[in-house]
Amino acid sequence: MARRTQRRPDAVSAPYALGDQVCGPEALPPGDYRTPATYEGEVVQVGSGWNGVDAANAYLWVRLPDRTERKLAIERCVLVTPAERPAQ
């Protein structure tokens, strides 16, 4: 039998989808007051995947051109259009 997943009634859509190219500051842990570095990369995960875990401090994971990943603050990210991407 096929399993169907249903969306919770109070769930909110994420502003980005897997594969989107975004730019934004890293998500620092609470109490870390450094100036966050800004990164640009491809969205590979939105949030933690665990219900309610990142509700107060939503984030997403992006894969950088060097194939490493960074956790970015989702509310401060912007979508990078193909025209804005640097030539490779």
PDB file of N, CA and C in Angstrom:
ATOM      1  N   MET A   1       0.836  -1.162   0.000  1.00  0.00           N
ATOM      2  CA  MET A   1       0.000   0.000   0.000  1.00  0.00           C
ATOM      3  C   MET A   1       0.893   1.241   0.000  1.00  0.00           C
ATOM      4  N   ALA A   2       0.590   2.199  -0.835  1.00  0.00           N
ATOM      5  CA  ALA A   2       1.368   3.430  -0.927  1.00  0.00           C
ATOM      6  C   ALA A   2       1.087   4.316   0.279  1.00  0.00           C
ATOM      7  N   ARG A   3       2.145   4.865   0.813  1.00  0.00           N
ATOM      8  CA  ARG A   3       1.983   5.761   1.949  1.00  0.00           C
ATOM      9  C   ARG A   3       1.784   7.182   1.448  1.00  0.00           C
ATOM     10  N   ARG A   4       0.793   7.854   1.974  1.00  0.00           N
ATOM     11  CA  ARG A   4       0.544   9.245   1.580  1.00  0.00           C
ATOM     12  C   ARG A   4       0.966  10.156   2.721  1.00  0.00           C
ATOM     13  N   THR A   5       1.611  11.221   2.345  1.00  0.00           N
ATOM     14  CA  THR A   5       1.985  12.187   3.366  1.00  0.00           C
ATOM     15  C   THR A   5       1.022  13.358   3.267  1.00  0.00           C
ATOM     16  N   GLN A   6       0.633  13.838   4.396  1.00  0.00           N
ATOM     17  CA  GLN A   6      -0.261  14.985   4.426  1.00  0.00           C
ATOM     18  C   GLN A   6       0.434  16.135   5.112  1.00  0.00           C
ATOM     19  N   ARG A   7       0.150  17.293   4.653  1.00  0.00           N
ATOM     20  CA  ARG A   7       0.691  18.509   5.217  1.00  0.00           C
ATOM     21  C   ARG A   7      -0.096  18.875   6.471  1.00  0.00           C
ATOM     22  N   ARG A   8       0.614  19.271   7.521  1.00  0.00           N
ATOM     23  CA  ARG A   8      -0.069  19.732   8.728  1.00  0.00           C
ATOM     24  C   ARG A   8      -0.863  20.987   8.403  1.00  0.00           C
ATOM     25  N   PRO A   9      -2.008  21.185   9.027  1.00  0.00           N
ATOM     26  CA  PRO A   9      -2.820  22.371   8.742  1.00  0.00           C
ATOM     27  C   PRO A   9      -2.109  23.681   9.066  1.00  0.00           C
ATOM     28  N   ASP A  10      -1.205  23.672  10.058  1.00  0.00           N
ATOM     29  CA  ASP A  10      -0.513  24.891  10.435  1.00  0.00           C
ATOM     30  C   ASP A  10       0.847  25.048   9.743  1.00  0.00           C
ATOM     31  N   ALA A  11       1.176  24.146   8.817  1.00  0.00           N
ATOM     32  CA  ALA A  11       2.468  24.190   8.136  1.00  0.00           C
ATOM     33  C   ALA A  11       2.533  25.378   7.185  1.00  0.00           C
ATOM     34  N   VAL A  12       3.727  25.930   7.077  1.00  0.00           N
ATOM     35  CA  VAL A  12       3.963  27.071   6.203  1.00  0.00           C
ATOM     36  C   VAL A  12       4.910  26.640   5.096  1.00  0.00           C
ATOM     37  N   SER A  13       4.657  27.089   3.879  1.00  0.00           N
ATOM     38  CA  SER A  13       5.536  26.746   2.773  1.00  0.00           C
ATOM     39  C   SER A  13       6.871  27.441   2.935  1.00  0.00           C
ATOM     40  N   ALA A  14       7.928  26.737   2.603  1.00  0.00           N
ATOM     41  CA  ALA A  14       9.262  27.341   2.620  1.00  0.00           C
ATOM     42  C   ALA A  14       9.391  28.232   1.392  1.00  0.00           C
ATOM     43  N   PRO A  15      10.108  29.342   1.524  1.00  0.00           N
ATOM     44  CA  PRO A  15      10.248  30.253   0.387  1.00  0.00           C
ATOM     45  C   PRO A  15      11.210  29.750  -0.688  1.00  0.00           C
ATOM     46  N   TYR A  16      11.936  28.671  -0.411  1.00  0.00           N
ATOM     47  CA  TYR A  16      12.901  28.143  -1.373  1.00  0.00           C
ATOM     48  C   TYR A  16      12.677  26.657  -1.575  1.00  0.00           C
ATOM     49  N   ALA A  17      13.092  26.168  -2.727  1.00  0.00           N
ATOM     50  CA  ALA A  17      12.968  24.753  -3.043  1.00  0.00           C
ATOM     51  C   ALA A  17      14.361  24.161  -3.246  1.00  0.00           C
ATOM     52  N   LEU A  18      14.461  22.854  -3.131  1.00  0.00           N
ATOM     53  CA  LEU A  18      15.728  22.191  -3.394  1.00  0.00           C
ATOM     54  C   LEU A  18      16.189  22.549  -4.800  1.00  0.00           C
ATOM     55  N   GLY A  19      17.472  22.863  -4.926  1.00  0.00           N
ATOM     56  CA  GLY A  19      18.030  23.223  -6.218  1.00  0.00           C
ATOM     57  C   GLY A  19      18.076  24.716  -6.485  1.00  0.00           C
ATOM     58  N   ASP A  20      17.324  25.514  -5.720  1.00  0.00           N
ATOM     59  CA  ASP A  20      17.387  26.971  -5.890  1.00  0.00           C
ATOM     60  C   ASP A  20      18.787  27.460  -5.547  1.00  0.00           C
ATOM     61  N   GLN A  21      19.202  28.509  -6.196  1.00  0.00           N
ATOM     62  CA  GLN A  21      20.474  29.167  -5.895  1.00  0.00           C
ATOM     63  C   GLN A  21      20.154  30.371  -5.017  1.00  0.00           C
ATOM     64  N   VAL A  22      20.760  30.429  -3.835  1.00  0.00           N
ATOM     65  CA  VAL A  22      20.488  31.519  -2.900  1.00  0.00           C
ATOM     66  C   VAL A  22      21.791  32.124  -2.376  1.00  0.00           C
ATOM     67  N   CYS A  23      21.659  33.318  -1.830  1.00  0.00           N
ATOM     68  CA  CYS A  23      22.775  34.004  -1.203  1.00  0.00           C
ATOM     69  C   CYS A  23      22.278  34.538   0.130  1.00  0.00           C
ATOM     70  N   GLY A  24      23.090  34.374   1.183  1.00  0.00           N
ATOM     71  CA  GLY A  24      22.681  34.880   2.482  1.00  0.00           C
ATOM     72  C   GLY A  24      23.716  34.613   3.544  1.00  0.00           C
ATOM     73  N   PRO A  25      23.475  35.137   4.751  1.00  0.00           N
ATOM     74  CA  PRO A  25      24.416  34.969   5.853  1.00  0.00           C
ATOM     75  C   PRO A  25      24.278  33.608   6.523  1.00  0.00           C
ATOM     76  N   GLU A  26      25.382  33.142   7.071  1.00  0.00           N
ATOM     77  CA  GLU A  26      25.344  31.873   7.789  1.00  0.00           C
ATOM     78  C   GLU A  26      24.468  32.012   9.033  1.00  0.00           C
ATOM     79  N   ALA A  27      23.880  30.917   9.458  1.00  0.00           N
ATOM     80  CA  ALA A  27      23.058  30.890  10.670  1.00  0.00           C
ATOM     81  C   ALA A  27      23.975  30.559  11.843  1.00  0.00           C
ATOM     82  N   LEU A  28      24.222  31.536  12.685  1.00  0.00           N
ATOM     83  CA  LEU A  28      25.087  31.332  13.840  1.00  0.00           C
ATOM     84  C   LEU A  28      24.286  30.765  14.999  1.00  0.00           C
ATOM     85  N   PRO A  29      24.935  29.983  15.858  1.00  0.00           N
ATOM     86  CA  PRO A  29      24.215  29.449  17.017  1.00  0.00           C
ATOM     87  C   PRO A  29      23.842  30.565  17.988  1.00  0.00           C
ATOM     88  N   PRO A  30      22.806  30.366  18.792  1.00  0.00           N
ATOM     89  CA  PRO A  30      22.406  31.378  19.772  1.00  0.00           C
ATOM     90  C   PRO A  30      23.591  31.755  20.669  1.00  0.00           C
ATOM     91  N   GLY A  31      23.743  33.048  20.918  1.00  0.00           N
ATOM     92  CA  GLY A  31      24.820  33.520  21.766  1.00  0.00           C
ATOM     93  C   GLY A  31      26.119  33.801  21.028  1.00  0.00           C
ATOM     94  N   ASP A  32      26.188  33.452  19.756  1.00  0.00           N
ATOM     95  CA  ASP A  32      27.384  33.724  18.951  1.00  0.00           C
ATOM     96  C   ASP A  32      27.167  35.074  18.278  1.00  0.00           C
ATOM     97  N   TYR A  33      27.962  36.057  18.642  1.00  0.00           N
ATOM     98  CA  TYR A  33      27.748  37.416  18.166  1.00  0.00           C
ATOM     99  C   TYR A  33      28.737  37.853  17.089  1.00  0.00           C
ATOM    100  N   ARG A  34      29.414  36.884  16.483  1.00  0.00           N
ATOM    101  CA  ARG A  34      30.297  37.226  15.363  1.00  0.00           C
ATOM    102  C   ARG A  34      29.462  37.789  14.214  1.00  0.00           C
ATOM    103  N   THR A  35      30.115  38.491  13.329  1.00  0.00           N
ATOM    104  CA  THR A  35      29.448  38.927  12.106  1.00  0.00           C
ATOM    105  C   THR A  35      29.372  37.711  11.190  1.00  0.00           C
ATOM    106  N   PRO A  36      28.174  37.292  10.775  1.00  0.00           N
ATOM    107  CA  PRO A  36      28.069  36.093   9.947  1.00  0.00           C
ATOM    108  C   PRO A  36      28.644  36.307   8.547  1.00  0.00           C
ATOM    109  N   ALA A  37      29.336  35.305   8.062  1.00  0.00           N
ATOM    110  CA  ALA A  37      29.853  35.332   6.692  1.00  0.00           C
ATOM    111  C   ALA A  37      28.680  35.125   5.735  1.00  0.00           C
ATOM    112  N   THR A  38      28.795  35.658   4.529  1.00  0.00           N
ATOM    113  CA  THR A  38      27.756  35.503   3.502  1.00  0.00           C
ATOM    114  C   THR A  38      28.221  34.465   2.486  1.00  0.00           C
ATOM    115  N   TYR A  39      27.311  33.569   2.122  1.00  0.00           N
ATOM    116  CA  TYR A  39      27.626  32.506   1.176  1.00  0.00           C
ATOM    117  C   TYR A  39      26.572  32.455   0.083  1.00  0.00           C
ATOM    118  N   GLU A  40      26.957  31.892  -1.052  1.00  0.00           N
ATOM    119  CA  GLU A  40      26.027  31.640  -2.151  1.00  0.00           C
ATOM    120  C   GLU A  40      26.166  30.182  -2.552  1.00  0.00           C
ATOM    121  N   GLY A  41      25.022  29.516  -2.709  1.00  0.00           N
ATOM    122  CA  GLY A  41      25.076  28.110  -3.084  1.00  0.00           C
ATOM    123  C   GLY A  41      23.709  27.565  -3.438  1.00  0.00           C
ATOM    124  N   GLU A  42      23.684  26.263  -3.702  1.00  0.00           N
ATOM    125  CA  GLU A  42      22.464  25.555  -4.104  1.00  0.00           C
ATOM    126  C   GLU A  42      21.787  24.957  -2.875  1.00  0.00           C
ATOM    127  N   VAL A  43      20.491  25.189  -2.736  1.00  0.00           N
ATOM    128  CA  VAL A  43      19.734  24.660  -1.600  1.00  0.00           C
ATOM    129  C   VAL A  43      19.695  23.134  -1.683  1.00  0.00           C
ATOM    130  N   VAL A  44      20.161  22.473  -0.605  1.00  0.00           N
ATOM    131  CA  VAL A  44      20.130  21.016  -0.551  1.00  0.00           C
ATOM    132  C   VAL A  44      19.222  20.493   0.565  1.00  0.00           C
ATOM    133  N   GLN A  45      18.863  21.359   1.524  1.00  0.00           N
ATOM    134  CA  GLN A  45      17.934  20.970   2.582  1.00  0.00           C
ATOM    135  C   GLN A  45      17.315  22.223   3.171  1.00  0.00           C
ATOM    136  N   VAL A  46      16.023  22.165   3.424  1.00  0.00           N
ATOM    137  CA  VAL A  46      15.328  23.295   4.049  1.00  0.00           C
ATOM    138  C   VAL A  46      14.994  22.899   5.479  1.00  0.00           C
ATOM    139  N   GLY A  47      15.566  23.627   6.447  1.00  0.00           N
ATOM    140  CA  GLY A  47      15.335  23.328   7.850  1.00  0.00           C
ATOM    141  C   GLY A  47      15.992  22.034   8.276  1.00  0.00           C
ATOM    142  N   SER A  48      15.597  21.578   9.440  1.00  0.00           N
ATOM    143  CA  SER A  48      16.195  20.379  10.022  1.00  0.00           C
ATOM    144  C   SER A  48      15.514  19.107   9.542  1.00  0.00           C
ATOM    145  N   GLY A  49      14.291  19.248   9.077  1.00  0.00           N
ATOM    146  CA  GLY A  49      13.516  18.065   8.734  1.00  0.00           C
ATOM    147  C   GLY A  49      12.731  17.522   9.922  1.00  0.00           C
ATOM    148  N   TRP A  50      12.966  18.074  11.107  1.00  0.00           N
ATOM    149  CA  TRP A  50      12.266  17.635  12.305  1.00  0.00           C
ATOM    150  C   TRP A  50      11.200  18.655  12.676  1.00  0.00           C
ATOM    151  N   ASN A  51      10.015  18.203  12.887  1.00  0.00           N
ATOM    152  CA  ASN A  51       8.875  19.054  13.189  1.00  0.00           C
ATOM    153  C   ASN A  51       9.148  19.957  14.380  1.00  0.00           C
ATOM    154  N   GLY A  52       9.096  21.274  14.155  1.00  0.00           N
ATOM    155  CA  GLY A  52       9.221  22.242  15.226  1.00  0.00           C
ATOM    156  C   GLY A  52      10.632  22.546  15.696  1.00  0.00           C
ATOM    157  N   VAL A  53      11.635  21.788  15.267  1.00  0.00           N
ATOM    158  CA  VAL A  53      12.986  21.981  15.773  1.00  0.00           C
ATOM    159  C   VAL A  53      13.534  23.352  15.426  1.00  0.00           C
ATOM    160  N   ASP A  54      13.331  23.791  14.201  1.00  0.00           N
ATOM    161  CA  ASP A  54      13.900  25.071  13.785  1.00  0.00           C
ATOM    162  C   ASP A  54      12.827  26.127  13.579  1.00  0.00           C
ATOM    163  N   ALA A  55      11.717  25.994  14.268  1.00  0.00           N
ATOM    164  CA  ALA A  55      10.603  26.920  14.078  1.00  0.00           C
ATOM    165  C   ALA A  55      10.976  28.360  14.418  1.00  0.00           C
ATOM    166  N   ALA A  56      11.762  28.569  15.476  1.00  0.00           N
ATOM    167  CA  ALA A  56      12.108  29.927  15.885  1.00  0.00           C
ATOM    168  C   ALA A  56      13.253  30.508  15.067  1.00  0.00           C
ATOM    169  N   ASN A  57      14.145  29.658  14.594  1.00  0.00           N
ATOM    170  CA  ASN A  57      15.322  30.108  13.849  1.00  0.00           C
ATOM    171  C   ASN A  57      15.471  29.287  12.576  1.00  0.00           C
ATOM    172  N   ALA A  58      14.560  29.471  11.644  1.00  0.00           N
ATOM    173  CA  ALA A  58      14.565  28.666  10.431  1.00  0.00           C
ATOM    174  C   ALA A  58      15.867  28.853   9.656  1.00  0.00           C
ATOM    175  N   TYR A  59      16.315  27.773   9.064  1.00  0.00           N
ATOM    176  CA  TYR A  59      17.542  27.818   8.289  1.00  0.00           C
ATOM    177  C   TYR A  59      17.429  26.884   7.091  1.00  0.00           C
ATOM    178  N   LEU A  60      18.416  26.974   6.221  1.00  0.00           N
ATOM    179  CA  LEU A  60      18.514  26.027   5.120  1.00  0.00           C
ATOM    180  C   LEU A  60      19.983  25.712   4.900  1.00  0.00           C
ATOM    181  N   TRP A  61      20.212  24.558   4.286  1.00  0.00           N
ATOM    182  CA  TRP A  61      21.577  24.136   3.971  1.00  0.00           C
ATOM    183  C   TRP A  61      21.817  24.368   2.492  1.00  0.00           C
ATOM    184  N   VAL A  62      22.973  24.951   2.181  1.00  0.00           N
ATOM    185  CA  VAL A  62      23.345  25.163   0.782  1.00  0.00           C
ATOM    186  C   VAL A  62      24.687  24.494   0.506  1.00  0.00           C
ATOM    187  N   ARG A  63      24.830  23.998  -0.722  1.00  0.00           N
ATOM    188  CA  ARG A  63      26.093  23.413  -1.164  1.00  0.00           C
ATOM    189  C   ARG A  63      26.840  24.476  -1.952  1.00  0.00           C
ATOM    190  N   LEU A  64      28.052  24.755  -1.519  1.00  0.00           N
ATOM    191  CA  LEU A  64      28.895  25.764  -2.158  1.00  0.00           C
ATOM    192  C   LEU A  64      29.613  25.181  -3.370  1.00  0.00           C
ATOM    193  N   PRO A  65      30.180  26.042  -4.208  1.00  0.00           N
ATOM    194  CA  PRO A  65      30.904  25.543  -5.387  1.00  0.00           C
ATOM    195  C   PRO A  65      32.038  24.572  -5.049  1.00  0.00           C
ATOM    196  N   ASP A  66      32.646  24.694  -3.857  1.00  0.00           N
ATOM    197  CA  ASP A  66      33.728  23.774  -3.474  1.00  0.00           C
ATOM    198  C   ASP A  66      33.199  22.460  -2.896  1.00  0.00           C
ATOM    199  N   ARG A  67      31.863  22.253  -2.952  1.00  0.00           N
ATOM    200  CA  ARG A  67      31.143  21.042  -2.534  1.00  0.00           C
ATOM    201  C   ARG A  67      30.979  20.923  -1.017  1.00  0.00           C
ATOM    202  N   THR A  68      31.390  21.945  -0.233  1.00  0.00           N
ATOM    203  CA  THR A  68      31.101  21.950   1.197  1.00  0.00           C
ATOM    204  C   THR A  68      29.701  22.517   1.382  1.00  0.00           C
ATOM    205  N   GLU A  69      29.155  22.367   2.561  1.00  0.00           N
ATOM    206  CA  GLU A  69      27.813  22.876   2.838  1.00  0.00           C
ATOM    207  C   GLU A  69      27.842  23.855   4.000  1.00  0.00           C
ATOM    208  N   ARG A  70      26.919  24.814   3.953  1.00  0.00           N
ATOM    209  CA  ARG A  70      26.802  25.806   5.011  1.00  0.00           C
ATOM    210  C   ARG A  70      25.332  25.950   5.395  1.00  0.00           C
ATOM    211  N   LYS A  71      25.107  26.282   6.656  1.00  0.00           N
ATOM    212  CA  LYS A  71      23.759  26.501   7.190  1.00  0.00           C
ATOM    213  C   LYS A  71      23.509  28.008   7.149  1.00  0.00           C
ATOM    214  N   LEU A  72      22.489  28.429   6.390  1.00  0.00           N
ATOM    215  CA  LEU A  72      22.176  29.846   6.230  1.00  0.00           C
ATOM    216  C   LEU A  72      20.872  30.205   6.935  1.00  0.00           C
ATOM    217  N   ALA A  73      20.779  31.465   7.360  1.00  0.00           N
ATOM    218  CA  ALA A  73      19.569  31.990   7.997  1.00  0.00           C
ATOM    219  C   ALA A  73      18.535  32.246   6.898  1.00  0.00           C
ATOM    220  N   ILE A  74      17.494  31.452   6.851  1.00  0.00           N
ATOM    221  CA  ILE A  74      16.538  31.479   5.742  1.00  0.00           C
ATOM    222  C   ILE A  74      15.856  32.836   5.580  1.00  0.00           C
ATOM    223  N   GLU A  75      15.565  33.522   6.689  1.00  0.00           N
ATOM    224  CA  GLU A  75      14.823  34.782   6.592  1.00  0.00           C
ATOM    225  C   GLU A  75      15.673  35.905   6.002  1.00  0.00           C
ATOM    226  N   ARG A  76      16.979  35.701   5.902  1.00  0.00           N
ATOM    227  CA  ARG A  76      17.853  36.746   5.367  1.00  0.00           C
ATOM    228  C   ARG A  76      18.458  36.362   4.015  1.00  0.00           C
ATOM    229  N   CYS A  77      18.027  35.235   3.452  1.00  0.00           N
ATOM    230  CA  CYS A  77      18.527  34.792   2.146  1.00  0.00           C
ATOM    231  C   CYS A  77      17.738  35.437   1.015  1.00  0.00           C
ATOM    232  N   VAL A  78      18.377  35.507  -0.134  1.00  0.00           N
ATOM    233  CA  VAL A  78      17.704  35.985  -1.339  1.00  0.00           C
ATOM    234  C   VAL A  78      17.968  34.994  -2.460  1.00  0.00           C
ATOM    235  N   LEU A  79      16.997  34.872  -3.335  1.00  0.00           N
ATOM    236  CA  LEU A  79      17.121  34.004  -4.495  1.00  0.00           C
ATOM    237  C   LEU A  79      18.063  34.657  -5.499  1.00  0.00           C
ATOM    238  N   VAL A  80      18.967  33.878  -6.067  1.00  0.00           N
ATOM    239  CA  VAL A  80      19.896  34.373  -7.074  1.00  0.00           C
ATOM    240  C   VAL A  80      19.394  33.884  -8.427  1.00  0.00           C
ATOM    241  N   THR A  81      19.069  34.826  -9.301  1.00  0.00           N
ATOM    242  CA  THR A  81      18.571  34.458 -10.633  1.00  0.00           C
ATOM    243  C   THR A  81      19.733  34.049 -11.522  1.00  0.00           C
ATOM    244  N   PRO A  82      19.481  33.289 -12.581  1.00  0.00           N
ATOM    245  CA  PRO A  82      20.562  32.882 -13.487  1.00  0.00           C
ATOM    246  C   PRO A  82      21.364  34.077 -14.023  1.00  0.00           C
ATOM    247  N   ALA A  83      20.719  35.211 -14.253  1.00  0.00           N
ATOM    248  CA  ALA A  83      21.421  36.374 -14.782  1.00  0.00           C
ATOM    249  C   ALA A  83      22.393  36.961 -13.764  1.00  0.00           C
ATOM    250  N   GLU A  84      22.152  36.734 -12.465  1.00  0.00           N
ATOM    251  CA  GLU A  84      22.995  37.292 -11.413  1.00  0.00           C
ATOM    252  C   GLU A  84      24.168  36.377 -11.034  1.00  0.00           C
ATOM    253  N   ARG A  85      24.168  35.153 -11.539  1.00  0.00           N
ATOM    254  CA  ARG A  85      25.218  34.199 -11.178  1.00  0.00           C
ATOM    255  C   ARG A  85      26.521  34.529 -11.909  1.00  0.00           C
ATOM    256  N   PRO A  86      27.644  34.369 -11.218  1.00  0.00           N
ATOM    257  CA  PRO A  86      28.929  34.631 -11.879  1.00  0.00           C
ATOM    258  C   PRO A  86      29.222  33.582 -12.944  1.00  0.00           C
ATOM    259  N   ALA A  87      29.943  33.981 -13.984  1.00  0.00           N
ATOM    260  CA  ALA A  87      30.323  33.040 -15.048  1.00  0.00           C
ATOM    261  C   ALA A  87      31.291  32.022 -14.481  1.00  0.00           C
ATOM    262  N   GLN A  88      31.150  30.760 -14.907  1.00  0.00           N
ATOM    263  CA  GLN A  88      32.014  29.707 -14.385  1.00  0.00           C
ATOM    264  C   GLN A  88      33.071  29.318 -15.370  1.00  0.00           C
TER     265      GLN A  88
END
